[in-house]
Amino acid sequence: MPDVTLVMLVLVVIVALVFDYVNGFHDTANAIATCVSTRALSIKWAIIMAAGLNFLGAIISTKVAATIGKGIVDPANTTQMVILAGVSGAIIWNLITWYYGLPSSSSHAIIGGIAGSVIAHAGFSALHWDGLRHIFLSLVLSPIAGTLIGFIFMVLITRIFRDHSPYTLNKGFRRLQVVSAGFMAFSHGTADAQKSMGVITMALLSYGAIATFSVPTWVKLACAITMALGTAAGGWRIIKTIGRDFVKLQPVHGFSVETASAGVILGAAAFGMPTSTTHVITSSILGVGLSRRLSAVNWGIAYRIIWAWLLTIPASGFVAYIFYRVFLPFLQ
């Protein structure tokens, strides 16, 4: 007879890596949508650059992984089924929003998914409310910071280079935007691959394969490689929504968006706070658009994005809850 708990652990690792892959192609737009839309890079080279720098960013730090692994619920109160149902809920919601071209948050999805499955397993009392409060605070404040910094950055650049013609200005910033897009891709790796690392490490701890919450090297490499492969697969639907339909961008705007976003994400990651790279870069685009004029923003798309943001945590939590309730009887 096979060891059921070992089989569940292997299944959790596979599903977590699937989430990492989906996260990669779902969030490709975070790093490269603006530089593709402004033609600073071709789609091919933008994806190659994003995949490589996502990999590097993913293996740099594990602070965000620890926050995800220990901040939602005490690892001692989790089971393999809880983790499996939680990640499955996040994957399904990511695929739904990807299909409709909506840049929803993979961070919100995994947090909502884990929370929903934990509630199904042990009720609301099993949630780590103090940790969740800090996570939610980070997820709420980061898009506000992205909007403000994107707005301020664009205003400053406009004033500093006000004597330059738009053609000259954009020609120079098209080169700089390649650097800022790379900066954004690196920061995306430091934030998003950490989520799957946290989930897998939580599963290893629950199984007893490790004694304390410490991300093994093989988990870092597996998540970093999977994220890079997912990024290389591309997310064309969301690239179009963010990079072309939401706000029409020129290279100078793209540089401002990417630099502001990467600064917010890396700053939060340094303190182990999970941010939604999708929310940060979309809000930075909003800030840059607002620095021009209100009509520069496609408000119809903005409303769709906001609704996707608001629904992500409860929707992924609900799917995870149902997953847990449906599959648990077959494992008893």
C-alpha atoms as a PDB file:
ATOM      1  CA  MET A   1       0.000   0.000   0.000  1.00  0.00           C
ATOM      2  CA  PRO A   2       1.397   3.413  -0.882  1.00  0.00           C
ATOM      3  CA  ASP A   3       1.940   5.970   1.852  1.00  0.00           C
ATOM      4  CA  VAL A   4      -1.127   8.179   1.403  1.00  0.00           C
ATOM      5  CA  THR A   5       0.470  11.149   3.183  1.00  0.00           C
ATOM      6  CA  LEU A   6       3.544  10.909   0.934  1.00  0.00           C
ATOM      7  CA  VAL A   7       1.354  10.750  -2.159  1.00  0.00           C
ATOM      8  CA  MET A   8      -0.495  13.835  -0.920  1.00  0.00           C
ATOM      9  CA  LEU A   9       2.797  15.650  -0.334  1.00  0.00           C
ATOM     10  CA  VAL A  10       3.961  14.892  -3.872  1.00  0.00           C
ATOM     11  CA  LEU A  11       0.587  16.043  -5.211  1.00  0.00           C
ATOM     12  CA  VAL A  12       0.813  19.294  -3.221  1.00  0.00           C
ATOM     13  CA  VAL A  13       4.309  19.992  -4.588  1.00  0.00           C
ATOM     14  CA  ILE A  14       3.114  19.377  -8.160  1.00  0.00           C
ATOM     15  CA  VAL A  15       0.039  21.578  -7.766  1.00  0.00           C
ATOM     16  CA  ALA A  16       2.104  24.352  -6.119  1.00  0.00           C
ATOM     17  CA  LEU A  17       4.504  24.281  -9.069  1.00  0.00           C
ATOM     18  CA  VAL A  18       1.529  24.394 -11.446  1.00  0.00           C
ATOM     19  CA  PHE A  19       0.383  27.510  -9.570  1.00  0.00           C
ATOM     20  CA  ASP A  20       3.896  28.933  -9.964  1.00  0.00           C
ATOM     21  CA  TYR A  21       3.777  28.271 -13.710  1.00  0.00           C
ATOM     22  CA  VAL A  22       0.299  29.770 -14.070  1.00  0.00           C
ATOM     23  CA  ASN A  23       1.469  32.717 -11.975  1.00  0.00           C
ATOM     24  CA  GLY A  24       4.360  33.166 -14.412  1.00  0.00           C
ATOM     25  CA  PHE A  25       2.298  33.379 -17.589  1.00  0.00           C
ATOM     26  CA  HIS A  26      -0.582  35.140 -15.814  1.00  0.00           C
ATOM     27  CA  ASP A  27       1.741  37.872 -14.526  1.00  0.00           C
ATOM     28  CA  THR A  28       4.118  38.170 -17.496  1.00  0.00           C
ATOM     29  CA  ALA A  29       2.373  41.443 -18.250  1.00  0.00           C
ATOM     30  CA  ASN A  30       3.584  42.882 -14.943  1.00  0.00           C
ATOM     31  CA  ALA A  31       7.145  43.033 -16.168  1.00  0.00           C
ATOM     32  CA  ILE A  32       6.914  43.512 -19.922  1.00  0.00           C
ATOM     33  CA  ALA A  33       3.508  44.908 -20.972  1.00  0.00           C
ATOM     34  CA  THR A  34       4.660  48.519 -20.976  1.00  0.00           C
ATOM     35  CA  CYS A  35       7.936  47.953 -22.844  1.00  0.00           C
ATOM     36  CA  VAL A  36       6.131  45.834 -25.452  1.00  0.00           C
ATOM     37  CA  SER A  37       3.359  48.397 -25.908  1.00  0.00           C
ATOM     38  CA  THR A  38       5.887  51.219 -26.376  1.00  0.00           C
ATOM     39  CA  ARG A  39       8.005  49.037 -28.703  1.00  0.00           C
ATOM     40  CA  ALA A  40      11.079  49.416 -26.510  1.00  0.00           C
ATOM     41  CA  LEU A  41      11.491  45.626 -26.879  1.00  0.00           C
ATOM     42  CA  SER A  42      10.009  43.009 -29.145  1.00  0.00           C
ATOM     43  CA  ILE A  43       7.730  40.480 -27.471  1.00  0.00           C
ATOM     44  CA  LYS A  44      10.330  37.727 -27.977  1.00  0.00           C
ATOM     45  CA  TRP A  45      13.207  39.549 -26.299  1.00  0.00           C
ATOM     46  CA  ALA A  46      10.985  41.030 -23.612  1.00  0.00           C
ATOM     47  CA  ILE A  47       9.856  37.540 -22.569  1.00  0.00           C
ATOM     48  CA  ILE A  48      13.406  36.131 -22.640  1.00  0.00           C
ATOM     49  CA  MET A  49      14.612  38.977 -20.439  1.00  0.00           C
ATOM     50  CA  ALA A  50      11.647  38.670 -18.077  1.00  0.00           C
ATOM     51  CA  ALA A  51      12.071  34.911 -17.706  1.00  0.00           C
ATOM     52  CA  GLY A  52      15.777  35.169 -16.887  1.00  0.00           C
ATOM     53  CA  LEU A  53      15.401  37.997 -14.374  1.00  0.00           C
ATOM     54  CA  ASN A  54      12.345  36.372 -12.797  1.00  0.00           C
ATOM     55  CA  PHE A  55      14.554  33.363 -12.101  1.00  0.00           C
ATOM     56  CA  LEU A  56      17.302  35.480 -10.532  1.00  0.00           C
ATOM     57  CA  GLY A  57      14.851  37.426  -8.395  1.00  0.00           C
ATOM     58  CA  ALA A  58      13.188  34.246  -7.181  1.00  0.00           C
ATOM     59  CA  ILE A  59      16.339  32.781  -5.619  1.00  0.00           C
ATOM     60  CA  ILE A  60      17.519  35.939  -3.859  1.00  0.00           C
ATOM     61  CA  SER A  61      15.353  35.947  -0.729  1.00  0.00           C
ATOM     62  CA  THR A  62      12.778  33.823   1.127  1.00  0.00           C
ATOM     63  CA  LYS A  63      11.274  36.447   3.447  1.00  0.00           C
ATOM     64  CA  VAL A  64       8.001  36.616   1.528  1.00  0.00           C
ATOM     65  CA  ALA A  65       7.858  32.796   1.458  1.00  0.00           C
ATOM     66  CA  ALA A  66       8.040  32.750   5.245  1.00  0.00           C
ATOM     67  CA  THR A  67       5.222  35.302   5.487  1.00  0.00           C
ATOM     68  CA  ILE A  68       2.972  33.224   3.216  1.00  0.00           C
ATOM     69  CA  GLY A  69       3.911  29.960   4.914  1.00  0.00           C
ATOM     70  CA  LYS A  70       3.412  31.165   8.484  1.00  0.00           C
ATOM     71  CA  GLY A  71       1.311  34.330   8.276  1.00  0.00           C
ATOM     72  CA  ILE A  72      -2.035  32.904   7.125  1.00  0.00           C
ATOM     73  CA  VAL A  73      -2.260  29.958   9.503  1.00  0.00           C
ATOM     74  CA  ASP A  74       0.077  28.197  11.905  1.00  0.00           C
ATOM     75  CA  PRO A  75       1.805  25.429   9.874  1.00  0.00           C
ATOM     76  CA  ALA A  76       1.072  23.003  12.727  1.00  0.00           C
ATOM     77  CA  ASN A  77      -2.663  23.403  12.033  1.00  0.00           C
ATOM     78  CA  THR A  78      -2.470  22.620   8.325  1.00  0.00           C
ATOM     79  CA  THR A  79      -2.801  19.348   6.440  1.00  0.00           C
ATOM     80  CA  GLN A  80      -1.800  18.338   2.947  1.00  0.00           C
ATOM     81  CA  MET A  81      -5.467  18.479   1.911  1.00  0.00           C
ATOM     82  CA  VAL A  82      -5.801  22.026   3.233  1.00  0.00           C
ATOM     83  CA  ILE A  83      -2.801  23.143   1.182  1.00  0.00           C
ATOM     84  CA  LEU A  84      -3.894  21.220  -1.917  1.00  0.00           C
ATOM     85  CA  ALA A  85      -7.409  22.691  -1.847  1.00  0.00           C
ATOM     86  CA  GLY A  86      -6.069  26.193  -1.203  1.00  0.00           C
ATOM     87  CA  VAL A  87      -3.636  26.160  -4.123  1.00  0.00           C
ATOM     88  CA  SER A  88      -6.265  24.605  -6.413  1.00  0.00           C
ATOM     89  CA  GLY A  89      -8.670  27.449  -5.618  1.00  0.00           C
ATOM     90  CA  ALA A  90      -5.966  29.986  -6.496  1.00  0.00           C
ATOM     91  CA  ILE A  91      -5.127  28.261  -9.790  1.00  0.00           C
ATOM     92  CA  ILE A  92      -8.763  28.110 -10.927  1.00  0.00           C
ATOM     93  CA  TRP A  93      -9.357  31.797 -10.196  1.00  0.00           C
ATOM     94  CA  ASN A  94      -6.104  32.757 -11.962  1.00  0.00           C
ATOM     95  CA  LEU A  95      -7.179  30.825 -15.053  1.00  0.00           C
ATOM     96  CA  ILE A  96     -10.633  32.429 -15.039  1.00  0.00           C
ATOM     97  CA  THR A  97      -9.210  35.957 -14.864  1.00  0.00           C
ATOM     98  CA  TRP A  98      -6.514  35.118 -17.424  1.00  0.00           C
ATOM     99  CA  TYR A  99      -9.187  33.859 -19.851  1.00  0.00           C
ATOM    100  CA  TYR A 100     -11.029  37.180 -19.600  1.00  0.00           C
ATOM    101  CA  GLY A 101      -7.797  39.188 -19.767  1.00  0.00           C
ATOM    102  CA  LEU A 102      -8.162  40.629 -16.274  1.00  0.00           C
ATOM    103  CA  PRO A 103      -4.955  41.391 -14.316  1.00  0.00           C
ATOM    104  CA  SER A 104      -6.064  39.968 -10.983  1.00  0.00           C
ATOM    105  CA  SER A 105      -3.656  39.241  -8.154  1.00  0.00           C
ATOM    106  CA  SER A 106      -1.991  35.849  -7.740  1.00  0.00           C
ATOM    107  CA  SER A 107      -1.044  37.006  -4.230  1.00  0.00           C
ATOM    108  CA  HIS A 108      -4.681  37.580  -3.335  1.00  0.00           C
ATOM    109  CA  ALA A 109      -5.624  34.277  -4.974  1.00  0.00           C
ATOM    110  CA  ILE A 110      -3.208  32.138  -2.948  1.00  0.00           C
ATOM    111  CA  ILE A 111      -4.054  33.945   0.305  1.00  0.00           C
ATOM    112  CA  GLY A 112      -7.789  33.596  -0.335  1.00  0.00           C
ATOM    113  CA  GLY A 113      -7.369  29.969  -1.370  1.00  0.00           C
ATOM    114  CA  ILE A 114      -5.402  28.940   1.724  1.00  0.00           C
ATOM    115  CA  ALA A 115      -7.783  30.861   3.994  1.00  0.00           C
ATOM    116  CA  GLY A 116     -10.842  29.222   2.396  1.00  0.00           C
ATOM    117  CA  SER A 117      -9.472  25.698   2.763  1.00  0.00           C
ATOM    118  CA  VAL A 118      -8.390  26.337   6.368  1.00  0.00           C
ATOM    119  CA  ILE A 119     -11.901  27.562   7.211  1.00  0.00           C
ATOM    120  CA  ALA A 120     -13.344  24.400   5.636  1.00  0.00           C
ATOM    121  CA  HIS A 121     -10.950  22.288   7.700  1.00  0.00           C
ATOM    122  CA  ALA A 122     -11.039  23.915  11.127  1.00  0.00           C
ATOM    123  CA  GLY A 123     -13.200  27.033  11.036  1.00  0.00           C
ATOM    124  CA  PHE A 124     -12.350  30.722  11.265  1.00  0.00           C
ATOM    125  CA  SER A 125     -10.542  30.302  14.585  1.00  0.00           C
ATOM    126  CA  ALA A 126      -7.690  28.468  12.833  1.00  0.00           C
ATOM    127  CA  LEU A 127      -6.708  31.567  10.859  1.00  0.00           C
ATOM    128  CA  HIS A 128      -3.691  33.554  11.987  1.00  0.00           C
ATOM    129  CA  TRP A 129      -5.457  36.908  12.267  1.00  0.00           C
ATOM    130  CA  ASP A 130      -2.427  38.971  13.265  1.00  0.00           C
ATOM    131  CA  GLY A 131      -0.455  37.704  10.290  1.00  0.00           C
ATOM    132  CA  LEU A 132      -3.412  38.189   7.961  1.00  0.00           C
ATOM    133  CA  ARG A 133      -3.796  41.781   9.152  1.00  0.00           C
ATOM    134  CA  HIS A 134      -0.210  42.586   8.167  1.00  0.00           C
ATOM    135  CA  ILE A 135      -0.610  40.821   4.823  1.00  0.00           C
ATOM    136  CA  PHE A 136      -3.831  42.670   4.006  1.00  0.00           C
ATOM    137  CA  LEU A 137      -2.270  45.969   5.057  1.00  0.00           C
ATOM    138  CA  SER A 138       0.590  45.390   2.642  1.00  0.00           C
ATOM    139  CA  LEU A 139      -1.753  44.385  -0.173  1.00  0.00           C
ATOM    140  CA  VAL A 140      -3.926  47.478   0.354  1.00  0.00           C
ATOM    141  CA  LEU A 141      -1.133  50.017   0.783  1.00  0.00           C
ATOM    142  CA  SER A 142       1.071  48.822  -2.080  1.00  0.00           C
ATOM    143  CA  PRO A 143      -1.293  49.860  -4.930  1.00  0.00           C
ATOM    144  CA  ILE A 144      -1.858  53.213  -3.209  1.00  0.00           C
ATOM    145  CA  ALA A 145       1.907  53.670  -3.076  1.00  0.00           C
ATOM    146  CA  GLY A 146       2.167  52.598  -6.721  1.00  0.00           C
ATOM    147  CA  THR A 147      -0.385  55.202  -7.819  1.00  0.00           C
ATOM    148  CA  LEU A 148       1.227  58.018  -5.842  1.00  0.00           C
ATOM    149  CA  ILE A 149       4.815  57.210  -6.798  1.00  0.00           C
ATOM    150  CA  GLY A 150       3.894  56.688 -10.459  1.00  0.00           C
ATOM    151  CA  PHE A 151       2.090  60.051 -10.491  1.00  0.00           C
ATOM    152  CA  ILE A 152       4.920  61.910  -8.732  1.00  0.00           C
ATOM    153  CA  PHE A 153       7.640  60.261 -10.817  1.00  0.00           C
ATOM    154  CA  MET A 154       5.917  61.194 -14.063  1.00  0.00           C
ATOM    155  CA  VAL A 155       5.315  64.790 -12.953  1.00  0.00           C
ATOM    156  CA  LEU A 156       8.977  65.192 -11.992  1.00  0.00           C
ATOM    157  CA  ILE A 157      10.222  63.780 -15.288  1.00  0.00           C
ATOM    158  CA  THR A 158       7.840  66.012 -17.228  1.00  0.00           C
ATOM    159  CA  ARG A 159       9.113  69.114 -15.431  1.00  0.00           C
ATOM    160  CA  ILE A 160      12.789  68.190 -15.607  1.00  0.00           C
ATOM    161  CA  PHE A 161      12.642  67.509 -19.351  1.00  0.00           C
ATOM    162  CA  ARG A 162      10.013  70.093 -20.262  1.00  0.00           C
ATOM    163  CA  ASP A 163      12.385  71.760 -22.789  1.00  0.00           C
ATOM    164  CA  HIS A 164      12.840  68.551 -24.769  1.00  0.00           C
ATOM    165  CA  SER A 165      10.629  67.602 -27.673  1.00  0.00           C
ATOM    166  CA  PRO A 166       8.413  64.518 -27.182  1.00  0.00           C
ATOM    167  CA  TYR A 167      10.331  62.714 -29.944  1.00  0.00           C
ATOM    168  CA  THR A 168      13.736  63.291 -28.346  1.00  0.00           C
ATOM    169  CA  LEU A 169      12.450  62.484 -24.893  1.00  0.00           C
ATOM    170  CA  ASN A 170      10.862  59.196 -25.909  1.00  0.00           C
ATOM    171  CA  LYS A 171      13.862  58.166 -27.986  1.00  0.00           C
ATOM    172  CA  GLY A 172      16.097  58.445 -24.927  1.00  0.00           C
ATOM    173  CA  PHE A 173      13.650  56.800 -22.561  1.00  0.00           C
ATOM    174  CA  ARG A 174      13.053  53.898 -24.944  1.00  0.00           C
ATOM    175  CA  ARG A 175      16.590  52.725 -24.103  1.00  0.00           C
ATOM    176  CA  LEU A 176      16.148  53.415 -20.403  1.00  0.00           C
ATOM    177  CA  GLN A 177      12.892  51.514 -20.416  1.00  0.00           C
ATOM    178  CA  VAL A 178      14.728  48.282 -21.216  1.00  0.00           C
ATOM    179  CA  VAL A 179      16.627  48.743 -17.946  1.00  0.00           C
ATOM    180  CA  SER A 180      13.482  49.582 -15.962  1.00  0.00           C
ATOM    181  CA  ALA A 181      11.631  46.579 -17.448  1.00  0.00           C
ATOM    182  CA  GLY A 182      14.497  44.358 -16.316  1.00  0.00           C
ATOM    183  CA  PHE A 183      14.294  45.934 -12.862  1.00  0.00           C
ATOM    184  CA  MET A 184      10.587  45.169 -12.776  1.00  0.00           C
ATOM    185  CA  ALA A 185      11.090  41.557 -13.928  1.00  0.00           C
ATOM    186  CA  PHE A 186      13.661  41.001 -11.191  1.00  0.00           C
ATOM    187  CA  SER A 187      11.365  42.452  -8.536  1.00  0.00           C
ATOM    188  CA  HIS A 188       8.511  40.261  -9.799  1.00  0.00           C
ATOM    189  CA  GLY A 189      10.669  37.207  -9.149  1.00  0.00           C
ATOM    190  CA  THR A 190      11.481  38.335  -5.604  1.00  0.00           C
ATOM    191  CA  ALA A 191       7.770  38.647  -4.829  1.00  0.00           C
ATOM    192  CA  ASP A 192       5.760  36.068  -6.739  1.00  0.00           C
ATOM    193  CA  ALA A 193       7.853  32.875  -6.805  1.00  0.00           C
ATOM    194  CA  GLN A 194       8.100  33.199  -3.028  1.00  0.00           C
ATOM    195  CA  LYS A 195       4.435  32.316  -2.660  1.00  0.00           C
ATOM    196  CA  SER A 196       4.846  28.790  -4.016  1.00  0.00           C
ATOM    197  CA  MET A 197       8.029  28.388  -1.990  1.00  0.00           C
ATOM    198  CA  GLY A 198       6.039  29.191   1.140  1.00  0.00           C
ATOM    199  CA  VAL A 199       3.274  26.738   0.220  1.00  0.00           C
ATOM    200  CA  ILE A 200       5.657  23.846  -0.535  1.00  0.00           C
ATOM    201  CA  THR A 201       7.678  24.481   2.616  1.00  0.00           C
ATOM    202  CA  MET A 202       4.452  24.521   4.623  1.00  0.00           C
ATOM    203  CA  ALA A 203       3.594  21.115   3.118  1.00  0.00           C
ATOM    204  CA  LEU A 204       7.050  19.712   3.902  1.00  0.00           C
ATOM    205  CA  LEU A 205       6.727  20.890   7.495  1.00  0.00           C
ATOM    206  CA  SER A 206       3.264  19.381   7.808  1.00  0.00           C
ATOM    207  CA  TYR A 207       4.560  16.044   6.502  1.00  0.00           C
ATOM    208  CA  GLY A 208       7.556  16.096   8.848  1.00  0.00           C
ATOM    209  CA  ALA A 209      10.202  16.237   6.128  1.00  0.00           C
ATOM    210  CA  ILE A 210      11.688  19.334   7.800  1.00  0.00           C
ATOM    211  CA  ALA A 211      11.724  20.320  11.467  1.00  0.00           C
ATOM    212  CA  THR A 212      11.422  24.105  11.142  1.00  0.00           C
ATOM    213  CA  PHE A 213      10.087  26.498   8.517  1.00  0.00           C
ATOM    214  CA  SER A 214      13.162  26.938   6.308  1.00  0.00           C
ATOM    215  CA  VAL A 215      12.922  26.891   2.513  1.00  0.00           C
ATOM    216  CA  PRO A 216      15.153  24.071   1.124  1.00  0.00           C
ATOM    217  CA  THR A 217      17.465  24.877  -1.781  1.00  0.00           C
ATOM    218  CA  TRP A 218      15.688  22.452  -4.121  1.00  0.00           C
ATOM    219  CA  VAL A 219      12.387  24.245  -3.458  1.00  0.00           C
ATOM    220  CA  LYS A 220      13.967  27.614  -4.316  1.00  0.00           C
ATOM    221  CA  LEU A 221      15.365  26.265  -7.578  1.00  0.00           C
ATOM    222  CA  ALA A 222      12.194  24.385  -8.542  1.00  0.00           C
ATOM    223  CA  CYS A 223       9.985  27.443  -7.983  1.00  0.00           C
ATOM    224  CA  ALA A 224      12.411  29.815  -9.699  1.00  0.00           C
ATOM    225  CA  ILE A 225      12.706  27.582 -12.784  1.00  0.00           C
ATOM    226  CA  THR A 226       8.947  26.975 -12.972  1.00  0.00           C
ATOM    227  CA  MET A 227       8.209  30.703 -12.652  1.00  0.00           C
ATOM    228  CA  ALA A 228      10.707  31.441 -15.430  1.00  0.00           C
ATOM    229  CA  LEU A 229       9.134  28.803 -17.698  1.00  0.00           C
ATOM    230  CA  GLY A 230       5.666  30.195 -17.034  1.00  0.00           C
ATOM    231  CA  THR A 231       6.900  33.679 -17.835  1.00  0.00           C
ATOM    232  CA  ALA A 232       8.405  32.423 -21.081  1.00  0.00           C
ATOM    233  CA  ALA A 233       4.992  30.997 -22.043  1.00  0.00           C
ATOM    234  CA  GLY A 234       3.616  34.530 -22.013  1.00  0.00           C
ATOM    235  CA  GLY A 235       0.272  36.031 -21.062  1.00  0.00           C
ATOM    236  CA  TRP A 236      -0.863  37.810 -24.190  1.00  0.00           C
ATOM    237  CA  ARG A 237      -4.418  38.564 -23.086  1.00  0.00           C
ATOM    238  CA  ILE A 238      -3.317  40.482 -19.997  1.00  0.00           C
ATOM    239  CA  ILE A 239      -0.394  42.145 -21.784  1.00  0.00           C
ATOM    240  CA  LYS A 240      -2.955  43.677 -24.147  1.00  0.00           C
ATOM    241  CA  THR A 241      -5.228  44.830 -21.297  1.00  0.00           C
ATOM    242  CA  ILE A 242      -2.459  46.469 -19.266  1.00  0.00           C
ATOM    243  CA  GLY A 243      -0.102  47.654 -21.965  1.00  0.00           C
ATOM    244  CA  ARG A 244      -2.479  48.913 -24.630  1.00  0.00           C
ATOM    245  CA  ASP A 245      -6.096  49.212 -23.550  1.00  0.00           C
ATOM    246  CA  PHE A 246      -5.844  50.654 -20.023  1.00  0.00           C
ATOM    247  CA  VAL A 247      -3.638  53.716 -20.676  1.00  0.00           C
ATOM    248  CA  LYS A 248      -1.830  54.580 -23.915  1.00  0.00           C
ATOM    249  CA  LEU A 249       1.843  54.703 -23.003  1.00  0.00           C
ATOM    250  CA  GLN A 250       4.982  56.182 -24.513  1.00  0.00           C
ATOM    251  CA  PRO A 251       8.518  55.068 -23.481  1.00  0.00           C
ATOM    252  CA  VAL A 252       8.851  57.845 -20.906  1.00  0.00           C
ATOM    253  CA  HIS A 253       5.596  56.708 -19.296  1.00  0.00           C
ATOM    254  CA  GLY A 254       6.662  53.070 -19.373  1.00  0.00           C
ATOM    255  CA  PHE A 255       9.950  53.928 -17.670  1.00  0.00           C
ATOM    256  CA  SER A 256       8.096  55.758 -14.910  1.00  0.00           C
ATOM    257  CA  VAL A 257       5.634  52.897 -14.409  1.00  0.00           C
ATOM    258  CA  GLU A 258       8.273  50.181 -14.224  1.00  0.00           C
ATOM    259  CA  THR A 259      10.671  52.094 -11.999  1.00  0.00           C
ATOM    260  CA  ALA A 260       7.950  53.125  -9.544  1.00  0.00           C
ATOM    261  CA  SER A 261       6.495  49.604  -9.436  1.00  0.00           C
ATOM    262  CA  ALA A 262       9.816  47.850  -8.933  1.00  0.00           C
ATOM    263  CA  GLY A 263      10.750  50.250  -6.136  1.00  0.00           C
ATOM    264  CA  VAL A 264       7.512  49.526  -4.253  1.00  0.00           C
ATOM    265  CA  ILE A 265       7.777  45.743  -4.729  1.00  0.00           C
ATOM    266  CA  LEU A 266      11.439  45.446  -3.734  1.00  0.00           C
ATOM    267  CA  GLY A 267      10.907  47.728  -0.745  1.00  0.00           C
ATOM    268  CA  ALA A 268       8.075  45.535   0.521  1.00  0.00           C
ATOM    269  CA  ALA A 269       9.965  42.291  -0.219  1.00  0.00           C
ATOM    270  CA  ALA A 270      12.902  43.514   1.883  1.00  0.00           C
ATOM    271  CA  PHE A 271      10.562  43.437   4.891  1.00  0.00           C
ATOM    272  CA  GLY A 272       8.997  40.112   3.894  1.00  0.00           C
ATOM    273  CA  MET A 273       5.671  41.724   3.014  1.00  0.00           C
ATOM    274  CA  PRO A 274       3.819  40.122   0.094  1.00  0.00           C
ATOM    275  CA  THR A 275       2.639  42.571  -2.526  1.00  0.00           C
ATOM    276  CA  SER A 276       0.536  42.019  -5.580  1.00  0.00           C
ATOM    277  CA  THR A 277       2.797  42.833  -8.507  1.00  0.00           C
ATOM    278  CA  THR A 278      -0.339  43.039 -10.647  1.00  0.00           C
ATOM    279  CA  HIS A 279      -1.899  45.644  -8.374  1.00  0.00           C
ATOM    280  CA  VAL A 280       1.295  47.660  -8.046  1.00  0.00           C
ATOM    281  CA  ILE A 281       2.083  47.980 -11.737  1.00  0.00           C
ATOM    282  CA  THR A 282      -1.554  48.559 -12.706  1.00  0.00           C
ATOM    283  CA  SER A 283      -1.876  51.275 -10.066  1.00  0.00           C
ATOM    284  CA  SER A 284       1.414  52.808 -11.244  1.00  0.00           C
ATOM    285  CA  ILE A 285       0.018  52.939 -14.782  1.00  0.00           C
ATOM    286  CA  LEU A 286      -3.063  54.632 -13.321  1.00  0.00           C
ATOM    287  CA  GLY A 287      -0.866  57.192 -11.535  1.00  0.00           C
ATOM    288  CA  VAL A 288       1.079  57.938 -14.721  1.00  0.00           C
ATOM    289  CA  GLY A 289      -2.168  58.257 -16.679  1.00  0.00           C
ATOM    290  CA  LEU A 290      -3.625  60.641 -14.100  1.00  0.00           C
ATOM    291  CA  SER A 291      -0.510  62.831 -14.344  1.00  0.00           C
ATOM    292  CA  ARG A 292      -1.502  63.518 -17.933  1.00  0.00           C
ATOM    293  CA  ARG A 293      -5.273  63.937 -17.652  1.00  0.00           C
ATOM    294  CA  LEU A 294      -8.304  62.013 -16.422  1.00  0.00           C
ATOM    295  CA  SER A 295      -9.324  61.104 -19.954  1.00  0.00           C
ATOM    296  CA  ALA A 296      -5.983  59.324 -20.518  1.00  0.00           C
ATOM    297  CA  VAL A 297      -7.340  56.426 -18.441  1.00  0.00           C
ATOM    298  CA  ASN A 298      -9.781  53.913 -19.914  1.00  0.00           C
ATOM    299  CA  TRP A 299     -12.169  53.959 -16.962  1.00  0.00           C
ATOM    300  CA  GLY A 300     -14.264  51.090 -18.309  1.00  0.00           C
ATOM    301  CA  ILE A 301     -11.266  48.767 -18.056  1.00  0.00           C
ATOM    302  CA  ALA A 302     -10.332  50.328 -14.712  1.00  0.00           C
ATOM    303  CA  TYR A 303     -13.713  49.322 -13.266  1.00  0.00           C
ATOM    304  CA  ARG A 304     -13.317  45.758 -14.578  1.00  0.00           C
ATOM    305  CA  ILE A 305      -9.863  45.520 -12.982  1.00  0.00           C
ATOM    306  CA  ILE A 306     -11.137  46.861  -9.646  1.00  0.00           C
ATOM    307  CA  TRP A 307     -13.972  44.326  -9.596  1.00  0.00           C
ATOM    308  CA  ALA A 308     -11.482  41.521 -10.304  1.00  0.00           C
ATOM    309  CA  TRP A 309      -9.349  42.777  -7.404  1.00  0.00           C
ATOM    310  CA  LEU A 310     -12.295  42.904  -4.996  1.00  0.00           C
ATOM    311  CA  LEU A 311     -13.548  39.447  -5.938  1.00  0.00           C
ATOM    312  CA  THR A 312     -10.224  37.583  -5.957  1.00  0.00           C
ATOM    313  CA  ILE A 313      -9.842  36.734  -2.250  1.00  0.00           C
ATOM    314  CA  PRO A 314     -13.472  35.686  -1.617  1.00  0.00           C
ATOM    315  CA  ALA A 315     -13.757  33.896  -4.985  1.00  0.00           C
ATOM    316  CA  SER A 316     -10.544  31.871  -4.651  1.00  0.00           C
ATOM    317  CA  GLY A 317     -11.444  31.200  -0.998  1.00  0.00           C
ATOM    318  CA  PHE A 318     -14.879  29.924  -1.998  1.00  0.00           C
ATOM    319  CA  VAL A 319     -13.444  27.635  -4.692  1.00  0.00           C
ATOM    320  CA  ALA A 320     -10.880  26.267  -2.203  1.00  0.00           C
ATOM    321  CA  TYR A 321     -13.609  25.706   0.389  1.00  0.00           C
ATOM    322  CA  ILE A 322     -15.663  23.705  -2.124  1.00  0.00           C
ATOM    323  CA  PHE A 323     -12.570  21.752  -3.204  1.00  0.00           C
ATOM    324  CA  TYR A 324     -11.888  20.753   0.376  1.00  0.00           C
ATOM    325  CA  ARG A 325     -15.480  19.713   1.031  1.00  0.00           C
ATOM    326  CA  VAL A 326     -15.776  17.765  -2.240  1.00  0.00           C
ATOM    327  CA  PHE A 327     -12.469  15.862  -2.156  1.00  0.00           C
ATOM    328  CA  LEU A 328     -12.111  15.218   1.583  1.00  0.00           C
ATOM    329  CA  PRO A 329     -14.691  12.361   1.714  1.00  0.00           C
ATOM    330  CA  PHE A 330     -12.688  10.397  -0.900  1.00  0.00           C
ATOM    331  CA  LEU A 331      -9.576  10.530   1.293  1.00  0.00           C
ATOM    332  CA  GLN A 332     -11.163   9.372   4.520  1.00  0.00           C
END
